[in-house]
Amino acid sequence: MRQNAFPYANWTKILGVLIIAAGIISFFQRHYTRGIYDFNDLAVGLSWGFVFIFFSKEKTDDEMIQSLKFKALARSVIVSFSATHLFNYLFLNWHFERQQDVILSVSAYQFLP
């Protein structure tokens, strides 16, 4: 018996869309109530929503679809972590001195979606 590489059922795409919507609503609610833009909160909602959408089954779930999803996942992780490291180095820590400064970093959640 063939085991499915993507364990979530087809209905979890709806759950992913709801998580994305909740993240967007939370982002705007925090802006209107506190006057701040919390991009980490937005990025976490988008990332988890896309995870549920990505790992859910397709209507026609065969080896080609699974191979394409795995290739897309592998490339997106490499690109997102490379972009995070480049952004941190070029824009936040390019003028860093070990004895005096504190290392600044952007969350990897902001580059995953």
N, C-alpha and C. Protein backbone atom coordinates (compact mmCIF):
# COMPACT_ATOMS: atom_id res chain seq x y z
N MET A 1 0.84 -1.18 0.00
CA MET A 1 0.00 0.00 0.00
C MET A 1 0.89 1.24 0.00
N ARG A 2 0.60 2.16 -0.89
CA ARG A 2 1.38 3.39 -1.03
C ARG A 2 1.02 4.37 0.06
N GLN A 3 2.03 4.94 0.69
CA GLN A 3 1.80 5.91 1.75
C GLN A 3 1.88 7.32 1.16
N ASN A 4 0.95 8.18 1.60
CA ASN A 4 0.90 9.53 1.06
C ASN A 4 1.97 10.40 1.70
N ALA A 5 2.67 11.18 0.87
CA ALA A 5 3.72 12.05 1.38
C ALA A 5 3.14 13.30 2.04
N PHE A 6 1.93 13.68 1.67
CA PHE A 6 1.29 14.87 2.22
C PHE A 6 0.10 14.44 3.06
N PRO A 7 0.24 14.44 4.39
CA PRO A 7 -0.75 13.78 5.24
C PRO A 7 -2.05 14.53 5.46
N TYR A 8 -2.11 15.83 5.18
CA TYR A 8 -3.32 16.58 5.50
C TYR A 8 -4.39 16.34 4.45
N ALA A 9 -5.63 16.31 4.89
CA ALA A 9 -6.75 16.09 3.98
C ALA A 9 -6.97 17.32 3.11
N ASN A 10 -7.85 17.19 2.14
CA ASN A 10 -8.12 18.28 1.20
C ASN A 10 -8.76 19.48 1.89
N TRP A 11 -9.53 19.26 2.95
CA TRP A 11 -10.22 20.37 3.63
C TRP A 11 -9.27 21.28 4.40
N THR A 12 -8.03 20.87 4.62
CA THR A 12 -7.10 21.72 5.37
C THR A 12 -6.67 22.95 4.57
N LYS A 13 -6.98 22.97 3.27
CA LYS A 13 -6.74 24.19 2.50
C LYS A 13 -7.63 25.32 3.04
N ILE A 14 -8.85 24.98 3.40
CA ILE A 14 -9.77 25.98 3.98
C ILE A 14 -9.21 26.46 5.32
N LEU A 15 -8.68 25.54 6.11
CA LEU A 15 -8.06 25.93 7.38
C LEU A 15 -6.88 26.87 7.15
N GLY A 16 -6.08 26.60 6.13
CA GLY A 16 -4.96 27.48 5.80
C GLY A 16 -5.41 28.87 5.41
N VAL A 17 -6.48 28.96 4.63
CA VAL A 17 -7.01 30.27 4.24
C VAL A 17 -7.54 31.00 5.47
N LEU A 18 -8.19 30.28 6.40
CA LEU A 18 -8.69 30.91 7.63
C LEU A 18 -7.54 31.42 8.51
N ILE A 19 -6.45 30.67 8.58
CA ILE A 19 -5.28 31.10 9.36
C ILE A 19 -4.66 32.35 8.73
N ILE A 20 -4.58 32.39 7.41
CA ILE A 20 -4.05 33.58 6.73
C ILE A 20 -4.95 34.78 7.00
N ALA A 21 -6.27 34.59 6.90
CA ALA A 21 -7.21 35.68 7.17
C ALA A 21 -7.09 36.16 8.61
N ALA A 22 -6.94 35.23 9.55
CA ALA A 22 -6.78 35.62 10.96
C ALA A 22 -5.50 36.40 11.18
N GLY A 23 -4.42 36.03 10.50
CA GLY A 23 -3.17 36.77 10.61
C GLY A 23 -3.30 38.19 10.06
N ILE A 24 -4.00 38.34 8.94
CA ILE A 24 -4.19 39.67 8.36
C ILE A 24 -5.08 40.52 9.25
N ILE A 25 -6.17 39.93 9.77
CA ILE A 25 -7.06 40.67 10.67
C ILE A 25 -6.33 41.08 11.94
N SER A 26 -5.52 40.17 12.48
CA SER A 26 -4.74 40.49 13.68
C SER A 26 -3.75 41.62 13.43
N PHE A 27 -3.13 41.62 12.25
CA PHE A 27 -2.19 42.68 11.89
C PHE A 27 -2.88 44.04 11.89
N PHE A 28 -4.03 44.14 11.22
CA PHE A 28 -4.72 45.43 11.15
C PHE A 28 -5.36 45.81 12.48
N GLN A 29 -5.83 44.83 13.24
CA GLN A 29 -6.40 45.14 14.55
C GLN A 29 -5.33 45.69 15.49
N ARG A 30 -4.16 45.13 15.47
CA ARG A 30 -3.07 45.63 16.30
C ARG A 30 -2.66 47.04 15.89
N HIS A 31 -2.74 47.32 14.59
CA HIS A 31 -2.40 48.67 14.13
C HIS A 31 -3.45 49.68 14.61
N TYR A 32 -4.73 49.32 14.51
CA TYR A 32 -5.77 50.27 14.91
C TYR A 32 -5.88 50.43 16.42
N THR A 33 -5.62 49.37 17.19
CA THR A 33 -5.75 49.49 18.65
C THR A 33 -4.50 50.07 19.31
N ARG A 34 -3.32 49.68 18.82
CA ARG A 34 -2.07 50.12 19.46
C ARG A 34 -1.23 51.06 18.61
N GLY A 35 -1.57 51.17 17.33
CA GLY A 35 -0.82 52.06 16.46
C GLY A 35 0.53 51.55 16.03
N ILE A 36 0.72 50.22 16.05
CA ILE A 36 2.01 49.65 15.64
C ILE A 36 1.79 48.69 14.46
N TYR A 37 2.82 48.55 13.67
CA TYR A 37 2.82 47.56 12.60
C TYR A 37 3.65 46.38 13.06
N ASP A 38 3.00 45.26 13.35
CA ASP A 38 3.71 44.06 13.81
C ASP A 38 3.81 43.08 12.64
N PHE A 39 4.90 43.19 11.88
CA PHE A 39 5.05 42.33 10.71
C PHE A 39 5.35 40.89 11.08
N ASN A 40 5.90 40.64 12.28
CA ASN A 40 6.11 39.26 12.71
C ASN A 40 4.78 38.54 12.88
N ASP A 41 3.79 39.21 13.45
CA ASP A 41 2.47 38.61 13.63
C ASP A 41 1.85 38.28 12.27
N LEU A 42 1.96 39.18 11.33
CA LEU A 42 1.44 38.94 9.98
C LEU A 42 2.19 37.79 9.31
N ALA A 43 3.50 37.78 9.42
CA ALA A 43 4.31 36.75 8.76
C ALA A 43 4.05 35.37 9.34
N VAL A 44 3.82 35.28 10.64
CA VAL A 44 3.52 33.98 11.25
C VAL A 44 2.19 33.44 10.73
N GLY A 45 1.18 34.29 10.65
CA GLY A 45 -0.12 33.86 10.11
C GLY A 45 -0.02 33.42 8.66
N LEU A 46 0.71 34.17 7.86
CA LEU A 46 0.87 33.80 6.46
C LEU A 46 1.66 32.50 6.31
N SER A 47 2.72 32.34 7.09
CA SER A 47 3.55 31.14 6.98
C SER A 47 2.78 29.88 7.35
N TRP A 48 2.09 29.91 8.49
CA TRP A 48 1.34 28.73 8.91
C TRP A 48 0.17 28.44 7.98
N GLY A 49 -0.47 29.46 7.47
CA GLY A 49 -1.55 29.24 6.51
C GLY A 49 -1.05 28.58 5.25
N PHE A 50 0.08 29.06 4.73
CA PHE A 50 0.66 28.46 3.53
C PHE A 50 1.16 27.04 3.79
N VAL A 51 1.60 26.74 4.99
CA VAL A 51 2.02 25.37 5.31
C VAL A 51 0.83 24.42 5.19
N PHE A 52 -0.31 24.81 5.75
CA PHE A 52 -1.49 23.94 5.65
C PHE A 52 -1.97 23.80 4.21
N ILE A 53 -1.90 24.87 3.45
CA ILE A 53 -2.31 24.79 2.04
C ILE A 53 -1.33 23.92 1.25
N PHE A 54 -0.04 24.11 1.49
CA PHE A 54 0.97 23.38 0.73
C PHE A 54 0.94 21.88 1.00
N PHE A 55 0.76 21.48 2.26
CA PHE A 55 0.85 20.06 2.61
C PHE A 55 -0.48 19.33 2.54
N SER A 56 -1.53 19.97 2.06
CA SER A 56 -2.80 19.27 1.91
C SER A 56 -2.81 18.48 0.60
N LYS A 57 -3.68 17.51 0.54
CA LYS A 57 -3.78 16.67 -0.66
C LYS A 57 -4.41 17.45 -1.80
N GLU A 58 -4.05 17.07 -3.00
CA GLU A 58 -4.68 17.62 -4.20
C GLU A 58 -5.75 16.64 -4.67
N LYS A 59 -6.63 17.12 -5.57
CA LYS A 59 -7.65 16.22 -6.11
C LYS A 59 -7.01 15.11 -6.94
N THR A 60 -6.01 15.45 -7.70
CA THR A 60 -5.23 14.45 -8.44
C THR A 60 -3.83 14.44 -7.83
N ASP A 61 -3.63 13.57 -6.86
CA ASP A 61 -2.38 13.54 -6.11
C ASP A 61 -1.55 12.36 -6.59
N ASP A 62 -0.64 12.59 -7.52
CA ASP A 62 0.21 11.52 -8.03
C ASP A 62 1.68 11.86 -7.76
N GLU A 63 2.57 11.02 -8.29
CA GLU A 63 3.99 11.19 -8.03
C GLU A 63 4.53 12.48 -8.61
N MET A 64 4.01 12.92 -9.76
CA MET A 64 4.49 14.15 -10.37
C MET A 64 4.15 15.36 -9.50
N ILE A 65 2.94 15.41 -8.98
CA ILE A 65 2.52 16.52 -8.11
C ILE A 65 3.37 16.54 -6.85
N GLN A 66 3.60 15.37 -6.26
CA GLN A 66 4.43 15.29 -5.05
C GLN A 66 5.86 15.71 -5.34
N SER A 67 6.39 15.33 -6.48
CA SER A 67 7.74 15.73 -6.85
C SER A 67 7.83 17.24 -7.05
N LEU A 68 6.85 17.83 -7.71
CA LEU A 68 6.85 19.28 -7.92
C LEU A 68 6.73 20.04 -6.60
N LYS A 69 5.90 19.53 -5.69
CA LYS A 69 5.76 20.17 -4.39
C LYS A 69 7.06 20.09 -3.59
N PHE A 70 7.71 18.95 -3.64
CA PHE A 70 8.97 18.80 -2.91
C PHE A 70 10.06 19.71 -3.48
N LYS A 71 10.14 19.81 -4.80
CA LYS A 71 11.12 20.71 -5.42
C LYS A 71 10.83 22.16 -5.05
N ALA A 72 9.56 22.55 -5.06
CA ALA A 72 9.20 23.92 -4.69
C ALA A 72 9.54 24.20 -3.23
N LEU A 73 9.29 23.24 -2.36
CA LEU A 73 9.60 23.40 -0.94
C LEU A 73 11.11 23.53 -0.73
N ALA A 74 11.87 22.67 -1.37
CA ALA A 74 13.33 22.72 -1.21
C ALA A 74 13.90 24.05 -1.71
N ARG A 75 13.42 24.52 -2.83
CA ARG A 75 13.92 25.80 -3.36
C ARG A 75 13.47 26.98 -2.52
N SER A 76 12.25 26.95 -2.03
CA SER A 76 11.76 28.08 -1.24
C SER A 76 12.49 28.21 0.08
N VAL A 77 12.85 27.10 0.70
CA VAL A 77 13.60 27.16 1.96
C VAL A 77 14.99 27.74 1.71
N ILE A 78 15.65 27.31 0.66
CA ILE A 78 16.98 27.82 0.34
C ILE A 78 16.92 29.31 0.02
N VAL A 79 15.97 29.72 -0.79
CA VAL A 79 15.85 31.13 -1.17
C VAL A 79 15.48 31.99 0.04
N SER A 80 14.54 31.53 0.87
CA SER A 80 14.11 32.35 2.00
C SER A 80 15.21 32.52 3.04
N PHE A 81 15.94 31.47 3.35
CA PHE A 81 17.02 31.61 4.33
C PHE A 81 18.19 32.41 3.77
N SER A 82 18.47 32.27 2.47
CA SER A 82 19.51 33.09 1.86
C SER A 82 19.11 34.56 1.88
N ALA A 83 17.85 34.84 1.56
CA ALA A 83 17.38 36.23 1.57
C ALA A 83 17.41 36.79 2.99
N THR A 84 17.07 35.98 3.99
CA THR A 84 17.12 36.44 5.37
C THR A 84 18.54 36.79 5.78
N HIS A 85 19.50 35.92 5.47
CA HIS A 85 20.88 36.19 5.83
C HIS A 85 21.43 37.40 5.09
N LEU A 86 21.13 37.52 3.81
CA LEU A 86 21.60 38.69 3.06
C LEU A 86 21.00 39.99 3.60
N PHE A 87 19.69 39.97 3.89
CA PHE A 87 19.05 41.17 4.43
C PHE A 87 19.65 41.54 5.77
N ASN A 88 19.83 40.56 6.65
CA ASN A 88 20.43 40.84 7.95
C ASN A 88 21.84 41.41 7.82
N TYR A 89 22.62 40.85 6.90
CA TYR A 89 24.00 41.33 6.75
C TYR A 89 24.06 42.69 6.06
N LEU A 90 23.33 42.84 4.96
CA LEU A 90 23.46 44.06 4.17
C LEU A 90 22.78 45.27 4.78
N PHE A 91 21.63 45.07 5.42
CA PHE A 91 20.86 46.21 5.88
C PHE A 91 20.89 46.43 7.39
N LEU A 92 21.14 45.39 8.16
CA LEU A 92 21.09 45.55 9.61
C LEU A 92 22.47 45.51 10.27
N ASN A 93 23.37 44.70 9.76
CA ASN A 93 24.65 44.49 10.44
C ASN A 93 25.86 44.80 9.57
N TRP A 94 25.71 45.61 8.54
CA TRP A 94 26.83 45.88 7.65
C TRP A 94 27.90 46.75 8.31
N HIS A 95 27.53 47.48 9.33
CA HIS A 95 28.48 48.34 10.02
C HIS A 95 28.69 47.84 11.46
N PHE A 96 28.76 46.55 11.62
CA PHE A 96 28.82 45.92 12.94
C PHE A 96 30.25 45.92 13.47
N GLU A 97 30.39 46.31 14.76
CA GLU A 97 31.68 46.21 15.45
C GLU A 97 31.49 45.28 16.65
N ARG A 98 32.32 44.26 16.75
CA ARG A 98 32.14 43.23 17.77
C ARG A 98 32.17 43.76 19.20
N GLN A 99 32.98 44.71 19.50
CA GLN A 99 33.14 45.16 20.88
C GLN A 99 32.01 46.08 21.33
N GLN A 100 31.31 46.73 20.41
CA GLN A 100 30.38 47.77 20.82
C GLN A 100 28.92 47.51 20.45
N ASP A 101 28.64 46.80 19.39
CA ASP A 101 27.28 46.71 18.86
C ASP A 101 26.59 45.40 19.26
N VAL A 102 25.28 45.42 19.08
CA VAL A 102 24.45 44.24 19.29
C VAL A 102 23.99 43.75 17.92
N ILE A 103 23.99 42.44 17.73
CA ILE A 103 23.58 41.88 16.44
C ILE A 103 22.08 42.03 16.29
N LEU A 104 21.65 42.61 15.16
CA LEU A 104 20.24 42.75 14.84
C LEU A 104 19.86 41.66 13.86
N SER A 105 18.60 41.20 13.93
CA SER A 105 18.17 40.15 13.04
C SER A 105 16.68 40.27 12.73
N VAL A 106 16.32 39.91 11.52
CA VAL A 106 14.92 39.85 11.11
C VAL A 106 14.48 38.39 11.23
N SER A 107 13.26 38.18 11.63
CA SER A 107 12.73 36.83 11.78
C SER A 107 12.66 36.14 10.42
N ALA A 108 12.98 34.86 10.41
CA ALA A 108 12.89 34.08 9.17
C ALA A 108 11.45 33.91 8.73
N TYR A 109 10.49 34.07 9.64
CA TYR A 109 9.08 34.01 9.26
C TYR A 109 8.72 35.06 8.21
N GLN A 110 9.40 36.20 8.25
CA GLN A 110 9.08 37.27 7.32
C GLN A 110 9.51 36.96 5.90
N PHE A 111 10.41 36.03 5.71
CA PHE A 111 10.86 35.69 4.37
C PHE A 111 10.28 34.36 3.88
N LEU A 112 9.65 33.57 4.74
CA LEU A 112 9.10 32.29 4.28
C LEU A 112 7.88 32.43 3.38
N PRO A 113 6.94 33.34 3.64
CA PRO A 113 5.79 33.41 2.71
C PRO A 113 6.25 33.87 1.37
